[in-house]
Amino acid sequence: MKKEENMLTILMYLFKHHLQEGIELDESLFDELESIGFPKLAIHNAIHWLQKLTKPSTLEDTSTHSKSLRVLTPQEKNRLSLDCQNYIIYLQDNILDPISTETVLNQLFALSDEIIDVSLIQWVSLMVLYNKEGHNEALKKMEFLVLNEQEQALQ
């Protein structure tokens, strides 16, 4: 299993079991993850990723420019398929504000050195919105979008 897969598995476990109840990034959490069998380095990387996510944004508040569009760099485009690029544009237009969009992109690229897929974008977007106060409406929209797409995939 690759490093990113271990870290992603840990993050998904934390999201499912702890995030919604308010996660404490402390030694007991590290011990719990280690007792489950996750490697120490992967645990450290996952907790570091979450800490970056929960830090207050140093990005300029662009709420007055809510229709601004994040343009991807050539390096970012190389890591994102056309489907992913279009999905990010959709999220910018319908769910994410500019700061949330930037946070999602930063966290995506920090999470993996591999090509990113739409499901990873959805998952990271949910994590970002869960950790941002005052984004309840955006979170509801994102949850509905993900659940609706999963339901359609099962049909």
Protein backbone atom coordinates (compact mmCIF):
# COMPACT_ATOMS: atom_id res chain seq x y z
CA MET A 1 0.00 0.00 0.00
CA LYS A 2 1.38 3.42 -0.96
CA LYS A 3 1.96 6.18 1.57
CA GLU A 4 -0.92 8.25 0.18
CA GLU A 5 -3.32 5.32 0.42
CA ASN A 6 -2.49 4.79 4.10
CA MET A 7 -2.92 8.46 4.85
CA LEU A 8 -6.17 8.66 2.88
CA THR A 9 -7.50 5.60 4.72
CA ILE A 10 -6.67 7.23 8.05
CA LEU A 11 -8.35 10.48 7.03
CA MET A 12 -11.45 8.62 5.90
CA TYR A 13 -11.52 6.70 9.19
CA LEU A 14 -11.24 9.96 11.14
CA PHE A 15 -13.92 11.59 9.03
CA LYS A 16 -16.30 8.69 9.58
CA HIS A 17 -15.63 8.13 13.29
CA HIS A 18 -14.50 11.43 14.77
CA LEU A 19 -14.77 14.53 12.61
CA GLN A 20 -18.47 15.11 12.97
CA GLU A 21 -18.22 15.04 16.75
CA GLY A 22 -15.30 17.48 16.94
CA ILE A 23 -11.92 15.84 16.65
CA GLU A 24 -9.13 16.40 19.18
CA LEU A 25 -5.75 15.96 17.54
CA ASP A 26 -4.01 14.59 20.63
CA GLU A 27 -1.95 11.63 21.79
CA SER A 28 -5.01 9.46 22.48
CA LEU A 29 -6.07 9.79 18.84
CA PHE A 30 -2.57 8.84 17.71
CA ASP A 31 -2.66 5.81 20.06
CA GLU A 32 -6.09 4.77 18.78
CA LEU A 33 -4.93 4.88 15.16
CA GLU A 34 -1.75 3.00 15.98
CA SER A 35 -3.70 0.29 17.84
CA ILE A 36 -5.86 -0.19 14.73
CA GLY A 37 -2.68 -0.95 12.81
CA PHE A 38 -1.95 2.22 10.87
CA PRO A 39 1.74 3.00 10.35
CA LYS A 40 3.18 5.80 12.53
CA LEU A 41 4.39 7.85 9.56
CA ALA A 42 0.99 7.70 7.89
CA ILE A 43 -0.70 8.73 11.16
CA HIS A 44 1.69 11.65 11.53
CA ASN A 45 1.08 12.74 7.92
CA ALA A 46 -2.70 12.48 8.31
CA ILE A 47 -2.73 14.49 11.53
CA HIS A 48 -0.45 17.11 9.96
CA TRP A 49 -2.84 17.30 6.97
CA LEU A 50 -5.79 17.82 9.33
CA GLN A 51 -3.91 20.46 11.31
CA LYS A 52 -3.28 22.41 8.11
CA LEU A 53 -6.96 22.11 7.31
CA THR A 54 -8.11 23.43 10.69
CA LYS A 55 -5.73 26.42 10.79
CA PRO A 56 -7.39 29.75 10.13
CA SER A 57 -6.96 30.85 6.53
CA THR A 58 -4.33 33.46 5.76
CA LEU A 59 -5.96 34.02 2.38
CA GLU A 60 -7.56 37.38 1.72
CA ASP A 61 -11.31 37.42 2.33
CA THR A 62 -12.77 37.65 -1.15
CA SER A 63 -16.41 37.35 -0.14
CA THR A 64 -17.15 40.61 -1.92
CA HIS A 65 -15.78 38.97 -5.08
CA SER A 66 -17.74 35.74 -4.74
CA LYS A 67 -17.84 35.22 -8.52
CA SER A 68 -14.06 35.19 -8.88
CA LEU A 69 -12.71 32.16 -10.70
CA ARG A 70 -9.59 30.27 -9.67
CA VAL A 71 -7.39 29.65 -12.70
CA LEU A 72 -5.31 26.49 -12.52
CA THR A 73 -1.59 26.60 -13.18
CA PRO A 74 -0.12 24.30 -15.86
CA GLN A 75 1.32 22.07 -13.09
CA GLU A 76 -2.10 21.79 -11.44
CA LYS A 77 -3.74 21.00 -14.78
CA ASN A 78 -1.24 18.16 -15.26
CA ARG A 79 -2.43 16.59 -12.02
CA LEU A 80 -6.15 17.05 -12.76
CA SER A 81 -8.05 15.35 -15.56
CA LEU A 82 -10.43 17.44 -17.63
CA ASP A 83 -13.33 15.92 -15.64
CA CYS A 84 -11.69 17.09 -12.40
CA GLN A 85 -11.03 20.55 -13.78
CA ASN A 86 -14.67 20.86 -14.86
CA TYR A 87 -15.85 19.56 -11.49
CA ILE A 88 -13.81 22.19 -9.66
CA ILE A 89 -15.32 24.88 -11.90
CA TYR A 90 -18.79 23.52 -11.08
CA LEU A 91 -18.00 23.64 -7.35
CA GLN A 92 -16.71 27.21 -7.65
CA ASP A 93 -19.88 28.28 -9.44
CA ASN A 94 -22.32 26.48 -7.13
CA ILE A 95 -20.90 25.56 -3.74
CA LEU A 96 -17.41 26.77 -2.80
CA ASP A 97 -16.41 30.35 -2.15
CA PRO A 98 -12.96 31.45 -3.40
CA ILE A 99 -11.18 30.75 -0.11
CA SER A 100 -12.79 27.30 0.19
CA THR A 101 -11.81 26.54 -3.41
CA GLU A 102 -8.20 27.46 -2.70
CA THR A 103 -8.22 25.39 0.50
CA VAL A 104 -9.63 22.37 -1.36
CA LEU A 105 -6.95 22.65 -4.04
CA ASN A 106 -4.15 23.09 -1.48
CA GLN A 107 -5.34 20.10 0.52
CA LEU A 108 -5.77 17.95 -2.60
CA PHE A 109 -2.24 18.59 -3.77
CA ALA A 110 -0.86 18.10 -0.25
CA LEU A 111 -2.64 14.76 0.03
CA SER A 112 -1.36 12.98 -3.01
CA ASP A 113 1.35 12.99 -5.64
CA GLU A 114 -0.88 10.93 -7.88
CA ILE A 115 -3.51 11.96 -10.41
CA ILE A 116 -6.58 13.16 -8.56
CA ASP A 117 -10.10 11.90 -9.34
CA VAL A 118 -13.53 13.47 -8.82
CA SER A 119 -14.34 11.31 -5.79
CA LEU A 120 -11.22 12.59 -4.02
CA ILE A 121 -12.23 16.17 -4.83
CA GLN A 122 -15.66 15.47 -3.32
CA TRP A 123 -14.20 13.94 -0.20
CA VAL A 124 -11.69 16.74 0.38
CA SER A 125 -14.39 19.35 -0.30
CA LEU A 126 -16.56 17.76 2.40
CA MET A 127 -13.63 17.76 4.84
CA VAL A 128 -12.89 21.42 4.13
CA LEU A 129 -16.52 22.46 4.55
CA TYR A 130 -16.92 20.45 7.77
CA ASN A 131 -13.99 22.38 9.20
CA LYS A 132 -15.19 25.85 8.20
CA GLU A 133 -17.63 27.69 10.40
CA GLY A 134 -20.49 29.47 8.70
CA HIS A 135 -20.51 27.21 5.65
CA ASN A 136 -23.52 25.09 6.61
CA GLU A 137 -25.43 25.81 3.41
CA ALA A 138 -22.43 24.94 1.24
CA LEU A 139 -21.90 21.77 3.28
CA LYS A 140 -25.52 20.72 2.77
CA LYS A 141 -25.22 21.30 -0.97
CA MET A 142 -21.99 19.30 -1.13
CA GLU A 143 -23.45 16.43 0.89
CA PHE A 144 -26.52 16.37 -1.36
CA LEU A 145 -24.34 16.39 -4.48
CA VAL A 146 -22.20 13.50 -3.26
CA LEU A 147 -25.13 11.41 -2.04
CA ASN A 148 -27.09 12.06 -5.24
CA GLU A 149 -24.12 11.01 -7.41
CA GLN A 150 -23.58 7.87 -5.33
CA GLU A 151 -27.27 6.99 -5.66
CA GLN A 152 -27.14 7.46 -9.44
CA ALA A 153 -24.02 5.29 -9.68
CA LEU A 154 -25.85 2.44 -7.94
CA GLN A 155 -28.75 2.50 -10.40
